[in-house]
Amino acid sequence: MKKLNVFLICIALVIITASATYVLTANGVFGAPIFGANAAVDTTPAAGNAKVMITKQQLDEYKALEEKYADLEELQEYIKANYYKEVDPAVLLEGATKGIFNALGDPYSLFMNKTEFKSFEESLTGEFPGIGVYIAPNPDRGIEVVSPIEDTPAQKAGIRALDIIKAVNGVEYSHTELDAATKVIRGEPGTNVTVTIYRPSTNETFDLTITRAVIVIKSVKSEMLSGNIGYIRITQFDNSVADEFYEHLTALVDKGAVGIVLDLRDNPGGSLSQCLDISDMLLPKAVICTTKGRAPNSTDEFTSDQNYYDGPLVLLVNEGSASASEIVSGAVKDNKRGVLIGTKTFGKGIVQSVVPYKDGTGLKLTTSEYFTPSGVNIHGVGIEPDIVLPLSDEYKATKNPTNEQDNQLQKAIEVINKQLGR
């Protein structure tokens, strides 16, 4: 590595003011001080070198910066000179950038290159190519399925929440290689991809060959069940889900709904602001959740106002209900606003900020952890429903099960009818 040659030829001189200015050229920093706080910048070429004036403070900062990153630069130069294949410096730079995030040991914090960030943004719009599965890194297990997306190739192939993707097209991936695995899983619609699944619940490992498709997510669905009980299903908390939820809720109430079942099963989460807006529609004036982080703007308490749907309310949850789904579920449970039915939720109690960086790249950084109204952080723990009720084997074994075969939904209807005195 080429070191900067700093010649402090002014050693014998007394620096009269703290604003002494030095000349920076393409070949180094020459320490001839120019006294006076308002020295002009000189960019006149001299002997082939452009010159610019910097202060002594800037010089010290420049030298400190060089010393700080000297090892990184030296290693990069060594690799470029000695690696058995030619190396693209841009690839090394991207690797170093990703390494800063990897060093955190947090699988949810990462730097995304242009392609990865575009793919991430597409997943929030409700339409993207792939097989239709939400995955997350699990340091103890590997690449874990949070939930398959409804009516997608992944769900139809039988992928379930908590399955572990061990390999894609015969290549194994660890939890630290989530992005690489995602790239391979996604691809041209109509082409096939083979995923190797390990299912902890049965201790089975098997391959599934799945045909990719354009995944179109309908975030909110609703229907009126028998007895005028409204049913609303939220599949993910994308950037427009709160408005859609309000429309469906209002329509059901206008049609005479006497209670609401909100289905958050296999909902992997999404936007914090959207789940807060939906919680606000379901709660009286109360605390929804609090967030706590190191940065001043990462610590906050979120509350609802006094306007809300005040009829009987039941939430359906399972091990695929994560993140934003758990914020809604925790708020409803802790405020005793409704009844949770199903199985323990996923357990993701940390919040990521997504920030566009430059040239189409972006980053996702865990900036805070959140707490339910009772002060509990559910990260790695999950939320226990009020009524624990696993989905029946009959329902899971049926290709196109009906509402009548959904024992969790039937229990929700029973609870609402009981509250109504039926």
Protein backbone atom coordinates (compact mmCIF):
# COMPACT_ATOMS: atom_id res chain seq x y z
CA MET A 1 0.00 0.00 0.00
CA LYS A 2 1.21 3.46 -0.85
CA LYS A 3 1.62 5.45 2.36
CA LEU A 4 1.12 9.19 2.50
CA ASN A 5 4.41 11.07 2.84
CA VAL A 6 3.89 13.77 5.40
CA PHE A 7 6.80 16.17 5.54
CA LEU A 8 6.50 18.50 8.49
CA ILE A 9 9.16 20.90 7.32
CA CYS A 10 7.92 23.53 9.67
CA ILE A 11 9.12 21.72 12.82
CA ALA A 12 11.50 24.53 13.72
CA LEU A 13 8.82 27.14 13.21
CA VAL A 14 6.53 28.34 15.88
CA ILE A 15 2.90 27.86 14.89
CA ILE A 16 1.43 31.19 15.79
CA THR A 17 -2.28 30.36 15.40
CA ALA A 18 -4.39 27.22 15.54
CA SER A 19 -5.64 27.92 12.04
CA ALA A 20 -2.37 27.25 10.24
CA THR A 21 -3.06 25.97 6.74
CA TYR A 22 -1.21 23.23 4.86
CA VAL A 23 -0.94 22.39 1.16
CA LEU A 24 -2.45 19.08 0.09
CA THR A 25 -1.22 17.77 -3.25
CA ALA A 26 -1.78 14.57 -5.14
CA ASN A 27 1.47 13.21 -3.70
CA GLY A 28 0.96 14.05 -0.06
CA VAL A 29 0.66 16.79 2.51
CA PHE A 30 3.37 19.41 2.71
CA GLY A 31 3.51 21.13 6.06
CA ALA A 32 4.46 24.65 5.05
CA PRO A 33 2.15 26.72 7.26
CA ILE A 34 0.39 29.72 5.85
CA PHE A 35 -0.56 31.95 8.75
CA GLY A 36 -3.94 33.60 8.77
CA ALA A 37 -7.36 32.24 9.37
CA ASN A 38 -8.73 33.23 5.96
CA ALA A 39 -6.13 31.73 3.65
CA ALA A 40 -7.55 31.15 0.18
CA VAL A 41 -7.89 27.72 -1.40
CA ASP A 42 -5.30 27.31 -4.16
CA THR A 43 -6.03 24.67 -6.78
CA THR A 44 -3.47 25.89 -9.30
CA PRO A 45 -1.58 22.91 -10.81
CA ALA A 46 2.07 22.86 -9.81
CA ALA A 47 4.46 20.34 -11.33
CA GLY A 48 1.50 18.21 -12.33
CA ASN A 49 -0.10 18.34 -8.88
CA ALA A 50 -3.34 20.06 -7.98
CA LYS A 51 -3.07 21.90 -4.66
CA VAL A 52 -5.64 22.64 -1.99
CA MET A 53 -5.15 24.38 1.34
CA ILE A 54 -6.22 22.61 4.56
CA THR A 55 -6.02 23.66 8.18
CA LYS A 56 -3.78 21.96 10.74
CA GLN A 57 -6.89 20.48 12.37
CA GLN A 58 -7.94 19.03 9.02
CA LEU A 59 -4.42 17.71 8.51
CA ASP A 60 -4.51 15.93 11.88
CA GLU A 61 -7.92 14.47 11.10
CA TYR A 62 -6.67 13.33 7.70
CA LYS A 63 -3.65 11.62 9.22
CA ALA A 64 -5.79 9.96 11.91
CA LEU A 65 -8.22 8.69 9.28
CA GLU A 66 -5.36 7.22 7.27
CA GLU A 67 -3.96 5.47 10.32
CA LYS A 68 -7.41 4.17 11.31
CA TYR A 69 -8.05 2.43 7.99
CA ALA A 70 -4.45 1.60 7.09
CA ASP A 71 -4.88 -2.12 7.87
CA LEU A 72 -8.00 -2.40 5.73
CA GLU A 73 -6.31 -0.70 2.80
CA GLU A 74 -3.17 -2.81 3.24
CA LEU A 75 -5.15 -6.06 3.28
CA GLN A 76 -7.11 -5.03 0.21
CA GLU A 77 -3.90 -4.26 -1.67
CA TYR A 78 -2.41 -7.59 -0.59
CA ILE A 79 -5.46 -9.48 -1.87
CA LYS A 80 -5.43 -7.61 -5.18
CA ALA A 81 -1.75 -8.38 -5.66
CA ASN A 82 -1.64 -12.00 -4.50
CA TYR A 83 -5.04 -13.66 -4.87
CA TYR A 84 -4.89 -16.38 -7.52
CA LYS A 85 -7.72 -14.78 -9.52
CA GLU A 86 -8.20 -11.19 -10.59
CA VAL A 87 -10.27 -9.30 -8.06
CA ASP A 88 -12.81 -6.57 -8.71
CA PRO A 89 -12.11 -3.72 -6.23
CA ALA A 90 -15.83 -2.87 -6.19
CA VAL A 91 -16.63 -6.38 -4.96
CA LEU A 92 -14.07 -6.04 -2.16
CA LEU A 93 -15.54 -2.69 -1.16
CA GLU A 94 -19.06 -4.09 -1.06
CA GLY A 95 -17.82 -7.03 1.00
CA ALA A 96 -16.17 -4.68 3.47
CA THR A 97 -19.36 -2.63 3.70
CA LYS A 98 -21.48 -5.72 4.34
CA GLY A 99 -18.89 -6.85 6.87
CA ILE A 100 -19.54 -3.82 9.07
CA PHE A 101 -23.14 -4.98 9.48
CA ASN A 102 -22.21 -8.67 9.79
CA ALA A 103 -19.90 -7.78 12.67
CA LEU A 104 -22.95 -6.73 14.70
CA GLY A 105 -23.99 -10.38 14.98
CA ASP A 106 -27.57 -9.28 14.25
CA PRO A 107 -29.17 -11.23 11.39
CA TYR A 108 -31.76 -8.49 10.88
CA SER A 109 -29.20 -5.73 10.24
CA LEU A 110 -27.63 -5.69 6.80
CA PHE A 111 -26.37 -3.62 3.90
CA MET A 112 -28.13 -4.21 0.57
CA ASN A 113 -26.57 -3.59 -2.82
CA LYS A 114 -28.64 -2.10 -5.61
CA THR A 115 -30.19 -5.41 -6.68
CA GLU A 116 -30.93 -6.53 -3.13
CA PHE A 117 -32.48 -3.22 -2.12
CA LYS A 118 -34.70 -3.18 -5.19
CA SER A 119 -35.84 -6.70 -4.37
CA PHE A 120 -36.54 -5.68 -0.76
CA GLU A 121 -38.63 -2.70 -1.86
CA GLU A 122 -40.57 -4.89 -4.29
CA SER A 123 -41.51 -7.21 -1.43
CA LEU A 124 -43.25 -4.26 0.29
CA THR A 125 -45.34 -3.38 -2.75
CA GLY A 126 -47.15 -6.72 -2.84
CA GLU A 127 -45.75 -8.06 -6.13
CA PHE A 128 -42.45 -9.83 -6.79
CA PRO A 129 -41.05 -12.99 -8.46
CA GLY A 130 -40.37 -16.11 -6.41
CA ILE A 131 -42.11 -18.99 -4.68
CA GLY A 132 -43.96 -16.99 -2.02
CA VAL A 133 -42.30 -17.53 1.34
CA TYR A 134 -41.13 -15.23 4.12
CA ILE A 135 -37.83 -16.33 5.64
CA ALA A 136 -35.63 -15.09 8.47
CA PRO A 137 -32.18 -15.97 9.82
CA ASN A 138 -32.16 -18.14 12.92
CA PRO A 139 -28.63 -18.43 14.40
CA ASP A 140 -29.50 -21.76 16.05
CA ARG A 141 -31.30 -23.39 13.14
CA GLY A 142 -30.44 -21.69 9.86
CA ILE A 143 -32.76 -20.07 7.34
CA GLU A 144 -36.17 -20.35 8.97
CA VAL A 145 -39.55 -20.03 7.31
CA VAL A 146 -41.59 -17.36 9.08
CA SER A 147 -44.61 -18.18 6.95
CA PRO A 148 -45.60 -19.21 3.44
CA ILE A 149 -47.75 -16.68 1.59
CA GLU A 150 -51.33 -17.66 0.89
CA ASP A 151 -52.19 -19.06 -2.54
CA THR A 152 -48.56 -19.17 -3.69
CA PRO A 153 -46.37 -22.02 -5.01
CA ALA A 154 -44.65 -22.35 -1.60
CA GLN A 155 -47.91 -22.85 0.27
CA LYS A 156 -49.28 -25.21 -2.36
CA ALA A 157 -46.06 -27.25 -2.19
CA GLY A 158 -46.59 -27.73 1.55
CA ILE A 159 -43.98 -25.41 3.08
CA ARG A 160 -44.91 -24.50 6.66
CA ALA A 161 -43.93 -21.93 9.26
CA LEU A 162 -40.80 -22.96 11.23
CA ASP A 163 -39.52 -25.18 8.40
CA ILE A 164 -35.77 -24.77 7.82
CA ILE A 165 -34.41 -24.24 4.31
CA LYS A 166 -31.18 -26.24 4.36
CA ALA A 167 -30.23 -25.91 0.69
CA VAL A 168 -31.36 -24.39 -2.60
CA ASN A 169 -30.63 -26.26 -5.82
CA GLY A 170 -28.32 -28.54 -3.88
CA VAL A 171 -26.21 -25.75 -2.35
CA GLU A 172 -26.33 -25.41 1.44
CA TYR A 173 -26.84 -21.99 3.04
CA SER A 174 -26.36 -20.90 6.65
CA HIS A 175 -28.35 -18.24 8.48
CA THR A 176 -25.66 -15.68 7.57
CA GLU A 177 -26.25 -16.33 3.86
CA LEU A 178 -29.90 -15.35 3.77
CA ASP A 179 -29.43 -12.82 0.97
CA ALA A 180 -27.55 -15.29 -1.22
CA ALA A 181 -30.23 -17.94 -0.72
CA THR A 182 -32.98 -15.42 -1.48
CA LYS A 183 -31.33 -14.51 -4.78
CA VAL A 184 -31.37 -18.14 -5.87
CA ILE A 185 -34.91 -18.81 -4.68
CA ARG A 186 -36.16 -15.84 -6.63
CA GLY A 187 -35.88 -16.05 -10.38
CA GLU A 188 -37.77 -15.99 -13.63
CA PRO A 189 -41.45 -16.94 -13.25
CA GLY A 190 -42.12 -20.33 -14.83
CA THR A 191 -38.73 -21.79 -13.93
CA ASN A 192 -38.12 -24.40 -11.24
CA VAL A 193 -36.14 -24.24 -8.01
CA THR A 194 -35.45 -27.12 -5.63
CA VAL A 195 -35.40 -26.36 -1.91
CA THR A 196 -34.24 -28.83 0.73
CA ILE A 197 -36.51 -28.58 3.77
CA TYR A 198 -35.87 -29.76 7.31
CA ARG A 199 -39.05 -29.94 9.39
CA PRO A 200 -38.22 -29.87 13.14
CA SER A 201 -41.72 -30.96 14.20
CA THR A 202 -41.31 -34.34 12.43
CA ASN A 203 -37.49 -34.49 12.18
CA GLU A 204 -37.80 -34.99 8.41
CA THR A 205 -35.59 -33.68 5.61
CA PHE A 206 -36.92 -33.65 2.06
CA ASP A 207 -36.66 -31.87 -1.29
CA LEU A 208 -39.41 -29.82 -2.92
CA THR A 209 -39.19 -28.74 -6.55
CA ILE A 210 -41.32 -25.62 -6.95
CA THR A 211 -42.18 -23.59 -10.03
CA ARG A 212 -41.54 -19.88 -9.53
CA ALA A 213 -44.32 -17.38 -10.24
CA VAL A 214 -45.13 -13.69 -9.95
CA ILE A 215 -46.24 -13.41 -6.34
CA VAL A 216 -49.14 -11.00 -5.96
CA ILE A 217 -50.07 -10.39 -2.34
CA LYS A 218 -53.55 -9.30 -1.38
CA SER A 219 -52.91 -7.88 2.05
CA VAL A 220 -56.50 -7.72 3.31
CA LYS A 221 -59.42 -10.07 2.73
CA SER A 222 -62.79 -10.13 4.44
CA GLU A 223 -66.15 -11.86 4.50
CA MET A 224 -69.28 -12.00 6.60
CA LEU A 225 -69.62 -15.28 8.47
CA SER A 226 -72.82 -16.82 9.74
CA GLY A 227 -74.45 -14.94 12.59
CA ASN A 228 -73.22 -11.60 11.20
CA ILE A 229 -69.70 -12.11 12.49
CA GLY A 230 -67.16 -10.26 10.38
CA TYR A 231 -63.92 -11.96 9.37
CA ILE A 232 -60.83 -9.99 8.31
CA ARG A 233 -57.57 -11.59 7.22
CA ILE A 234 -54.34 -9.53 7.06
CA THR A 235 -51.53 -11.37 5.25
CA GLN A 236 -48.81 -8.74 5.79
CA PHE A 237 -48.45 -5.15 6.98
CA ASP A 238 -47.42 -3.51 3.72
CA ASN A 239 -47.37 0.23 3.10
CA SER A 240 -51.11 0.61 2.43
CA VAL A 241 -52.65 -2.03 4.67
CA ALA A 242 -54.13 0.36 7.28
CA ASP A 243 -56.33 2.11 4.71
CA GLU A 244 -57.42 -1.25 3.28
CA PHE A 245 -58.20 -2.61 6.74
CA TYR A 246 -60.32 0.45 7.54
CA GLU A 247 -62.33 -0.02 4.33
CA HIS A 248 -62.99 -3.70 5.08
CA LEU A 249 -63.84 -3.04 8.74
CA THR A 250 -66.19 -0.20 7.85
CA ALA A 251 -67.92 -2.27 5.16
CA LEU A 252 -68.52 -5.16 7.55
CA VAL A 253 -69.86 -2.90 10.28
CA ASP A 254 -72.16 -1.16 7.78
CA LYS A 255 -73.48 -4.60 6.79
CA GLY A 256 -74.35 -5.31 10.42
CA ALA A 257 -71.33 -7.16 11.78
CA VAL A 258 -71.82 -7.78 15.52
CA GLY A 259 -68.24 -8.94 16.14
CA ILE A 260 -64.91 -9.21 14.34
CA VAL A 261 -62.43 -12.06 13.95
CA LEU A 262 -59.03 -10.69 12.91
CA ASP A 263 -56.85 -13.40 11.40
CA LEU A 264 -53.11 -12.74 11.76
CA ARG A 265 -51.96 -16.33 11.30
CA ASP A 266 -48.82 -16.66 9.17
CA ASN A 267 -48.55 -12.86 8.97
CA PRO A 268 -44.78 -12.13 9.12
CA GLY A 269 -45.16 -8.43 9.94
CA GLY A 270 -44.11 -5.35 7.99
CA SER A 271 -44.49 -1.64 8.57
CA LEU A 272 -44.46 -0.38 12.17
CA SER A 273 -46.56 2.68 11.28
CA GLN A 274 -49.23 0.52 9.61
CA CYS A 275 -49.63 -1.85 12.54
CA LEU A 276 -49.84 1.13 14.90
CA ASP A 277 -52.64 2.64 12.79
CA ILE A 278 -54.57 -0.64 12.82
CA SER A 279 -54.09 -1.03 16.58
CA ASP A 280 -55.45 2.49 16.99
CA MET A 281 -58.67 1.42 15.23
CA LEU A 282 -59.15 -1.50 17.66
CA LEU A 283 -58.23 0.08 21.01
CA PRO A 284 -59.67 2.80 23.22
CA LYS A 285 -57.22 5.40 24.48
CA ALA A 286 -54.33 3.21 25.61
CA VAL A 287 -50.66 2.36 25.13
CA ILE A 288 -50.04 0.29 21.99
CA CYS A 289 -46.33 -0.33 22.57
CA THR A 290 -43.11 1.40 23.50
CA THR A 291 -39.79 1.32 21.69
CA LYS A 292 -36.39 1.76 23.30
CA GLY A 293 -33.07 2.32 21.56
CA ARG A 294 -29.82 4.26 21.92
CA ALA A 295 -30.63 7.05 19.46
CA PRO A 296 -32.96 9.76 20.83
CA ASN A 297 -35.55 9.28 18.07
CA SER A 298 -35.65 5.50 18.59
CA THR A 299 -37.29 5.67 22.02
CA ASP A 300 -40.99 6.42 22.02
CA GLU A 301 -44.38 5.48 23.41
CA PHE A 302 -47.21 4.93 20.94
CA THR A 303 -50.79 5.37 22.05
CA SER A 304 -54.25 5.11 20.52
CA ASP A 305 -57.01 7.71 20.66
CA GLN A 306 -60.54 7.25 21.99
CA ASN A 307 -62.09 6.42 18.60
CA TYR A 308 -62.20 2.68 17.91
CA TYR A 309 -64.29 -0.32 16.91
CA ASP A 310 -65.85 -1.37 20.23
CA GLY A 311 -67.56 -4.64 19.33
CA PRO A 312 -66.44 -8.15 20.34
CA LEU A 313 -62.97 -8.91 18.98
CA VAL A 314 -60.98 -12.14 18.58
CA LEU A 315 -57.49 -12.44 17.08
CA LEU A 316 -56.20 -15.67 15.51
CA VAL A 317 -52.42 -16.14 15.81
CA ASN A 318 -49.84 -18.87 15.33
CA GLU A 319 -46.09 -19.46 15.14
CA GLY A 320 -46.02 -17.58 11.82
CA SER A 321 -47.42 -14.39 13.36
CA ALA A 322 -44.39 -12.14 13.77
CA SER A 323 -43.18 -8.60 14.38
CA ALA A 324 -45.95 -6.14 13.45
CA SER A 325 -48.52 -8.91 14.00
CA GLU A 326 -47.18 -9.31 17.52
CA ILE A 327 -47.42 -5.58 18.21
CA VAL A 328 -51.15 -5.68 17.40
CA SER A 329 -51.62 -8.94 19.31
CA GLY A 330 -49.72 -7.72 22.37
CA ALA A 331 -51.65 -4.46 22.45
CA VAL A 332 -55.02 -6.22 22.24
CA LYS A 333 -54.08 -8.82 24.85
CA ASP A 334 -52.44 -6.52 27.40
CA ASN A 335 -55.24 -3.97 27.17
CA LYS A 336 -57.80 -6.79 27.53
CA ARG A 337 -59.52 -5.51 24.41
CA GLY A 338 -59.99 -8.91 22.81
CA VAL A 339 -59.21 -12.62 23.00
CA LEU A 340 -56.21 -14.29 21.33
CA ILE A 341 -56.74 -17.84 20.04
CA GLY A 342 -54.21 -20.19 18.46
CA THR A 343 -50.59 -21.02 19.23
CA LYS A 344 -47.61 -19.02 20.53
CA THR A 345 -46.41 -16.35 18.11
CA PHE A 346 -42.99 -16.19 16.40
CA GLY A 347 -41.19 -13.88 18.85
CA LYS A 348 -39.62 -10.95 17.01
CA GLY A 349 -39.48 -7.98 19.35
CA ILE A 350 -36.98 -5.69 17.62
CA VAL A 351 -37.53 -2.86 15.15
CA GLN A 352 -35.49 -2.18 12.02
CA SER A 353 -35.10 1.15 10.24
CA VAL A 354 -34.82 0.89 6.46
CA VAL A 355 -32.70 3.65 4.94
CA PRO A 356 -31.94 4.30 1.26
CA TYR A 357 -28.21 4.94 1.04
CA LYS A 358 -26.81 6.00 -2.33
CA ASP A 359 -26.70 4.80 -5.93
CA GLY A 360 -29.74 2.62 -5.32
CA THR A 361 -28.27 0.79 -2.32
CA GLY A 362 -29.84 0.70 1.12
CA LEU A 363 -29.49 -0.59 4.63
CA LYS A 364 -31.62 -2.16 7.32
CA LEU A 365 -30.52 -1.60 10.90
CA THR A 366 -32.04 -2.71 14.19
CA THR A 367 -32.53 0.58 16.00
CA SER A 368 -34.76 -0.37 18.91
CA GLU A 369 -36.60 -3.11 20.72
CA TYR A 370 -40.29 -2.88 21.45
CA PHE A 371 -42.29 -3.66 24.56
CA THR A 372 -45.95 -4.56 24.89
CA PRO A 373 -48.15 -2.32 27.08
CA SER A 374 -47.34 -4.48 30.11
CA GLY A 375 -43.62 -3.82 29.56
CA VAL A 376 -42.70 -7.23 28.12
CA ASN A 377 -40.20 -7.66 25.30
CA ILE A 378 -41.25 -10.79 23.42
CA HIS A 379 -38.11 -11.20 21.29
CA GLY A 380 -37.21 -14.88 21.13
CA VAL A 381 -40.19 -15.67 23.37
CA GLY A 382 -43.43 -14.90 21.52
CA ILE A 383 -46.91 -14.18 22.84
CA GLU A 384 -48.98 -16.91 24.46
CA PRO A 385 -52.63 -16.78 23.32
CA ASP A 386 -55.45 -16.54 25.85
CA ILE A 387 -56.80 -19.78 24.44
CA VAL A 388 -54.10 -22.19 23.22
CA LEU A 389 -55.54 -24.27 20.42
CA PRO A 390 -53.41 -25.95 17.74
CA LEU A 391 -54.83 -26.23 14.25
CA SER A 392 -56.50 -29.62 13.80
CA ASP A 393 -54.82 -32.43 11.87
CA GLU A 394 -57.94 -32.64 9.71
CA TYR A 395 -57.52 -29.02 8.62
CA LYS A 396 -53.79 -29.42 7.89
CA ALA A 397 -54.37 -32.63 5.91
CA THR A 398 -57.08 -31.11 3.72
CA LYS A 399 -55.97 -29.51 0.44
CA ASN A 400 -58.70 -26.85 0.34
CA PRO A 401 -60.17 -26.76 3.85
CA THR A 402 -63.40 -24.95 4.58
CA ASN A 403 -64.20 -22.50 7.38
CA GLU A 404 -66.10 -25.29 9.11
CA GLN A 405 -62.91 -27.40 9.23
CA ASP A 406 -60.91 -24.53 10.75
CA ASN A 407 -61.19 -25.37 14.45
CA GLN A 408 -59.43 -22.13 15.49
CA LEU A 409 -61.90 -20.01 13.53
CA GLN A 410 -64.81 -22.00 14.90
CA LYS A 411 -63.54 -21.39 18.42
CA ALA A 412 -63.35 -17.64 17.68
CA ILE A 413 -66.99 -17.69 16.53
CA GLU A 414 -67.93 -19.56 19.70
CA VAL A 415 -66.18 -16.97 21.90
CA ILE A 416 -67.92 -14.04 20.16
CA ASN A 417 -71.32 -15.73 20.38
CA LYS A 418 -70.77 -16.31 24.09
CA GLN A 419 -69.90 -12.65 24.61
CA LEU A 420 -73.11 -11.73 22.78
CA GLY A 421 -75.11 -14.05 25.05
CA ARG A 422 -76.11 -16.36 22.24
